[in-house]
Amino acid sequence: MHHQLGSAYLKLGNYTKAVESYQSALKLNPQADASILALARTYGEMGNSDAAISTYKRALVLKPNDPATLNNLGLMYMKTGSWDKATEILEQAVREVSSPKEAFYHLGVCYQRRRQLDRAAEQFRKAIEIDKRFAGAHYSLGIVYASQGRENAAAEEFRMALEARPDFAEAHFNLGDMYARQGDLDAAVKEFQKAIQIRPDFVEAHFNLGTVYAKQGRLDDAIEQYKKTTSIQPNYPKAHRGMAMIYQEKGMDREAKAALDT
């Protein structure tokens, strides 16, 4: 009864009552692993990573090699910035036969954070083997490939991410960046525009769209995007410089100076 009550409170977002209910359940049965895991998850949603970590460790005493619990513990360490510990736990998780796709993905993120790009790519590919439509893994693999200068491979991963999740603004943005690097400016414009449609305050997308417009000679459109960039983030020097250069090209010296002085 206490466990079910905790689950009801958790769905309502009443974390305090959920914690109290799960703790009551555990007083009656200290080894109720479902209540321990639910309590840990609740702490995680509350942002209390330390309590979540200690509770996941408690669950591992009962099931030492449970891959889902190891994955969740690793994720909590990631959230606290304990990357070495997260890597250690997640490496343990992926050794288990039934390890979830998220464990491979999170381990890839840890390797990526440590600039171990080949190892990161390997883990992202393993996550994709489990779920071909794992948008986050395709996206992260694309980021790795882009970092390695593999633009075609990166673009393909971003496209795969978007097949699985069309509203993935960051994937549209990075696909646009790949197109821009390859000189396909029209395709880049479309992707940056899609990113902005999904996230109107996507400051980098506004800036990159302005830069592509400038390369296309669409100077007024470029200025408009640079202005939108600085309206979202006033301290964006590259956008101010971009505006100034266009104004100078148009012979508008006063406006150019104002753009630099802002």
Protein backbone atom coordinates (compact mmCIF):
# COMPACT_ATOMS: atom_id res chain seq x y z
CA MET A 1 0.00 0.00 0.00
CA HIS A 2 2.76 2.48 0.93
CA HIS A 3 4.62 1.72 -2.32
CA GLN A 4 1.52 2.30 -4.46
CA LEU A 5 0.83 5.53 -2.58
CA GLY A 6 4.39 6.68 -3.24
CA SER A 7 3.97 5.97 -6.95
CA ALA A 8 0.77 8.02 -6.99
CA TYR A 9 2.49 10.95 -5.29
CA LEU A 10 5.43 10.66 -7.70
CA LYS A 11 3.12 10.92 -10.71
CA LEU A 12 1.62 14.06 -9.17
CA GLY A 13 5.06 15.55 -8.65
CA ASN A 14 4.67 15.57 -4.86
CA TYR A 15 8.19 14.37 -4.15
CA THR A 16 8.12 14.92 -0.40
CA LYS A 17 5.07 12.72 0.06
CA ALA A 18 6.47 10.16 -2.37
CA VAL A 19 9.69 9.89 -0.34
CA GLU A 20 7.72 9.52 2.90
CA SER A 21 5.58 6.76 1.39
CA TYR A 22 8.52 4.79 -0.01
CA GLN A 23 10.37 5.12 3.28
CA SER A 24 7.29 3.79 5.10
CA ALA A 25 7.21 0.84 2.71
CA LEU A 26 10.87 0.12 3.44
CA LYS A 27 10.31 0.20 7.19
CA LEU A 28 7.91 -2.69 6.70
CA ASN A 29 10.19 -4.49 4.25
CA PRO A 30 13.77 -3.16 4.13
CA GLN A 31 14.62 -5.46 1.23
CA ALA A 32 11.80 -4.38 -1.09
CA ASP A 33 13.96 -3.61 -4.11
CA ALA A 34 11.08 -1.99 -6.04
CA SER A 35 10.62 0.56 -3.26
CA ILE A 36 14.36 1.18 -3.01
CA LEU A 37 14.61 1.85 -6.74
CA ALA A 38 11.51 4.05 -6.71
CA LEU A 39 12.94 6.04 -3.80
CA ALA A 40 16.23 6.47 -5.66
CA ARG A 41 14.41 7.61 -8.79
CA THR A 42 12.40 10.10 -6.72
CA TYR A 43 15.55 11.56 -5.21
CA GLY A 44 16.98 11.87 -8.71
CA GLU A 45 13.92 13.74 -9.99
CA MET A 46 14.14 16.03 -6.95
CA GLY A 47 17.71 16.88 -7.91
CA ASN A 48 19.06 15.28 -4.74
CA SER A 49 21.84 13.36 -6.48
CA ASP A 50 23.69 12.42 -3.29
CA ALA A 51 20.61 10.76 -1.80
CA ALA A 52 19.89 9.05 -5.11
CA ILE A 53 23.44 7.69 -5.26
CA SER A 54 23.32 6.25 -1.75
CA THR A 55 19.92 4.70 -2.45
CA TYR A 56 21.02 3.10 -5.73
CA LYS A 57 24.01 1.68 -3.83
CA ARG A 58 21.55 0.21 -1.35
CA ALA A 59 19.72 -1.46 -4.24
CA LEU A 60 23.00 -2.91 -5.53
CA VAL A 61 23.57 -4.65 -2.20
CA LEU A 62 20.50 -6.75 -3.01
CA LYS A 63 21.28 -7.14 -6.73
CA PRO A 64 25.00 -6.39 -7.15
CA ASN A 65 25.20 -6.59 -10.95
CA ASP A 66 21.81 -5.29 -12.01
CA PRO A 67 22.61 -3.36 -15.23
CA ALA A 68 19.66 -0.96 -15.04
CA THR A 69 20.58 0.05 -11.50
CA LEU A 70 24.24 0.41 -12.46
CA ASN A 71 23.19 2.61 -15.37
CA ASN A 72 21.10 4.84 -13.12
CA LEU A 73 23.90 5.08 -10.57
CA GLY A 74 26.34 6.00 -13.33
CA LEU A 75 23.95 8.68 -14.55
CA MET A 76 23.77 10.19 -11.06
CA TYR A 77 27.57 10.34 -10.92
CA MET A 78 27.53 12.08 -14.30
CA LYS A 79 25.10 14.67 -12.96
CA THR A 80 27.43 15.40 -10.04
CA GLY A 81 30.43 15.75 -12.36
CA SER A 82 32.10 12.60 -11.00
CA TRP A 83 33.12 11.43 -14.47
CA ASP A 84 35.75 8.90 -13.40
CA LYS A 85 33.34 7.19 -11.02
CA ALA A 86 30.56 7.31 -13.61
CA THR A 87 32.85 5.68 -16.17
CA GLU A 88 33.81 2.94 -13.73
CA ILE A 89 30.19 2.13 -12.88
CA LEU A 90 28.99 2.24 -16.50
CA GLU A 91 31.85 0.02 -17.67
CA GLN A 92 30.58 -2.47 -15.13
CA ALA A 93 27.02 -2.05 -16.43
CA VAL A 94 27.83 -2.77 -20.09
CA ARG A 95 29.59 -6.00 -19.17
CA GLU A 96 26.22 -7.45 -18.18
CA VAL A 97 24.33 -9.45 -20.80
CA SER A 98 21.06 -7.57 -20.43
CA SER A 99 22.57 -4.09 -20.23
CA PRO A 100 20.15 -1.40 -21.48
CA LYS A 101 20.94 0.82 -24.44
CA GLU A 102 21.18 3.80 -22.08
CA ALA A 103 24.20 2.28 -20.33
CA PHE A 104 26.17 2.16 -23.59
CA TYR A 105 24.99 5.67 -24.43
CA HIS A 106 25.94 7.13 -21.05
CA LEU A 107 29.33 5.40 -21.16
CA GLY A 108 29.85 6.94 -24.58
CA VAL A 109 29.07 10.36 -23.13
CA CYS A 110 31.67 9.75 -20.40
CA TYR A 111 34.33 8.80 -22.96
CA GLN A 112 33.36 11.80 -25.08
CA ARG A 113 33.77 14.06 -22.06
CA ARG A 114 37.26 12.61 -21.57
CA ARG A 115 38.08 13.21 -25.27
CA GLN A 116 38.35 9.46 -25.89
CA LEU A 117 36.45 9.84 -29.14
CA ASP A 118 37.03 6.41 -30.69
CA ARG A 119 35.84 4.71 -27.52
CA ALA A 120 32.85 7.05 -27.34
CA ALA A 121 31.89 6.25 -30.94
CA GLU A 122 32.10 2.53 -30.20
CA GLN A 123 29.64 2.83 -27.32
CA PHE A 124 27.21 4.99 -29.30
CA ARG A 125 27.27 2.40 -32.10
CA LYS A 126 26.53 -0.35 -29.57
CA ALA A 127 23.54 1.62 -28.29
CA ILE A 128 22.32 1.98 -31.87
CA GLU A 129 22.68 -1.78 -32.42
CA ILE A 130 20.13 -2.25 -29.64
CA ASP A 131 17.82 0.50 -30.92
CA LYS A 132 18.26 1.66 -34.52
CA ARG A 133 16.06 4.69 -33.80
CA PHE A 134 17.95 5.90 -30.72
CA ALA A 135 18.02 9.58 -31.67
CA GLY A 136 20.36 10.65 -28.87
CA ALA A 137 22.96 8.03 -29.79
CA HIS A 138 22.85 8.93 -33.50
CA TYR A 139 23.21 12.61 -32.59
CA SER A 140 26.13 12.04 -30.22
CA LEU A 141 27.86 9.79 -32.75
CA GLY A 142 27.43 12.59 -35.28
CA ILE A 143 29.08 15.04 -32.88
CA VAL A 144 32.04 12.66 -32.50
CA TYR A 145 32.39 12.26 -36.26
CA ALA A 146 32.19 16.04 -36.74
CA SER A 147 34.97 16.48 -34.16
CA GLN A 148 37.06 14.03 -36.17
CA GLY A 149 36.46 15.90 -39.42
CA ARG A 150 34.24 13.15 -40.84
CA GLU A 151 31.58 15.50 -42.19
CA ASN A 152 29.70 13.05 -44.42
CA ALA A 153 29.46 10.46 -41.66
CA ALA A 154 28.38 13.13 -39.18
CA ALA A 155 25.68 14.44 -41.51
CA GLU A 156 24.31 10.92 -41.98
CA GLU A 157 24.06 10.42 -38.21
CA PHE A 158 22.27 13.74 -37.78
CA ARG A 159 19.82 12.71 -40.51
CA MET A 160 19.23 9.39 -38.74
CA ALA A 161 18.60 11.26 -35.48
CA LEU A 162 16.02 13.42 -37.26
CA GLU A 163 14.29 10.42 -38.80
CA ALA A 164 13.71 9.17 -35.28
CA ARG A 165 12.96 12.58 -33.79
CA PRO A 166 12.00 15.29 -36.30
CA ASP A 167 11.73 18.00 -33.61
CA PHE A 168 15.38 17.56 -32.53
CA ALA A 169 16.52 21.19 -32.84
CA GLU A 170 20.18 20.49 -32.09
CA ALA A 171 20.31 17.82 -34.80
CA HIS A 172 18.87 20.26 -37.35
CA PHE A 173 21.45 22.83 -36.25
CA ASN A 174 24.41 20.48 -36.54
CA LEU A 175 23.20 19.07 -39.85
CA GLY A 176 23.00 22.65 -41.08
CA ASP A 177 26.54 23.20 -39.87
CA MET A 178 27.73 20.16 -41.85
CA TYR A 179 25.99 21.44 -44.99
CA ALA A 180 27.57 24.86 -44.49
CA ARG A 181 31.03 23.33 -44.15
CA GLN A 182 30.45 21.38 -47.37
CA GLY A 183 29.33 24.51 -49.21
CA ASP A 184 25.67 23.50 -49.60
CA LEU A 185 24.36 26.81 -48.33
CA ASP A 186 20.74 26.37 -49.41
CA ALA A 187 20.49 23.10 -47.46
CA ALA A 188 22.19 24.76 -44.48
CA VAL A 189 19.63 27.57 -44.50
CA LYS A 190 16.75 25.09 -44.40
CA GLU A 191 18.21 23.24 -41.41
CA PHE A 192 18.97 26.40 -39.43
CA GLN A 193 15.45 27.64 -40.14
CA LYS A 194 13.99 24.35 -38.89
CA ALA A 195 16.08 24.58 -35.72
CA ILE A 196 14.74 28.10 -35.10
CA GLN A 197 11.14 27.04 -35.76
CA ILE A 198 11.51 24.45 -33.02
CA ARG A 199 13.51 26.70 -30.68
CA PRO A 200 12.95 30.39 -31.47
CA ASP A 201 15.58 31.41 -28.88
CA PHE A 202 18.29 29.16 -30.40
CA VAL A 203 20.92 31.88 -30.49
CA GLU A 204 23.62 29.91 -32.34
CA ALA A 205 21.15 28.96 -35.07
CA HIS A 206 20.23 32.62 -35.61
CA PHE A 207 23.91 33.54 -35.81
CA ASN A 208 24.81 30.73 -38.20
CA LEU A 209 21.80 31.50 -40.38
CA GLY A 210 22.95 35.12 -40.54
CA THR A 211 26.45 34.01 -41.52
CA VAL A 212 25.13 31.81 -44.33
CA TYR A 213 22.88 34.62 -45.56
CA ALA A 214 25.93 36.89 -45.67
CA LYS A 215 27.82 34.33 -47.77
CA GLN A 216 24.84 34.18 -50.14
CA GLY A 217 24.82 37.96 -50.49
CA ARG A 218 21.49 38.26 -48.66
CA LEU A 219 22.83 41.09 -46.56
CA ASP A 220 19.57 42.47 -45.18
CA ASP A 221 18.50 38.97 -44.12
CA ALA A 222 21.90 38.49 -42.50
CA ILE A 223 21.54 41.71 -40.51
CA GLU A 224 18.08 40.64 -39.37
CA GLN A 225 19.47 37.35 -38.02
CA TYR A 226 22.41 39.06 -36.34
CA LYS A 227 19.97 41.46 -34.67
CA LYS A 228 17.90 38.51 -33.46
CA THR A 229 21.09 36.92 -32.15
CA THR A 230 21.98 39.98 -30.08
CA SER A 231 18.40 40.48 -28.89
CA ILE A 232 18.58 37.00 -27.34
CA GLN A 233 22.18 37.33 -26.16
CA PRO A 234 23.39 40.97 -26.16
CA ASN A 235 26.99 39.99 -25.47
CA TYR A 236 27.61 38.10 -28.72
CA PRO A 237 30.71 39.79 -30.23
CA LYS A 238 30.75 37.77 -33.47
CA ALA A 239 27.21 38.91 -34.30
CA HIS A 240 28.11 42.56 -33.64
CA ARG A 241 31.20 42.20 -35.84
CA GLY A 242 29.15 40.50 -38.55
CA MET A 243 26.69 43.38 -38.59
CA ALA A 244 29.50 45.93 -38.65
CA MET A 245 31.17 44.25 -41.64
CA ILE A 246 27.90 44.22 -43.60
CA TYR A 247 27.18 47.85 -42.77
CA GLN A 248 30.69 48.80 -43.91
CA GLU A 249 30.15 46.88 -47.15
CA LYS A 250 26.93 48.84 -47.67
CA GLY A 251 28.72 52.14 -46.95
CA MET A 252 26.81 52.67 -43.70
CA ASP A 253 29.75 53.72 -41.52
CA ARG A 254 27.64 55.20 -38.71
CA GLU A 255 25.66 51.96 -38.33
CA ALA A 256 28.88 49.94 -38.49
CA LYS A 257 30.39 51.93 -35.64
CA ALA A 258 27.18 51.62 -33.61
CA ALA A 259 27.19 47.85 -34.06
CA LEU A 260 30.74 47.62 -32.72
CA ASP A 261 30.07 50.04 -29.86
CA THR A 262 27.01 48.15 -28.61
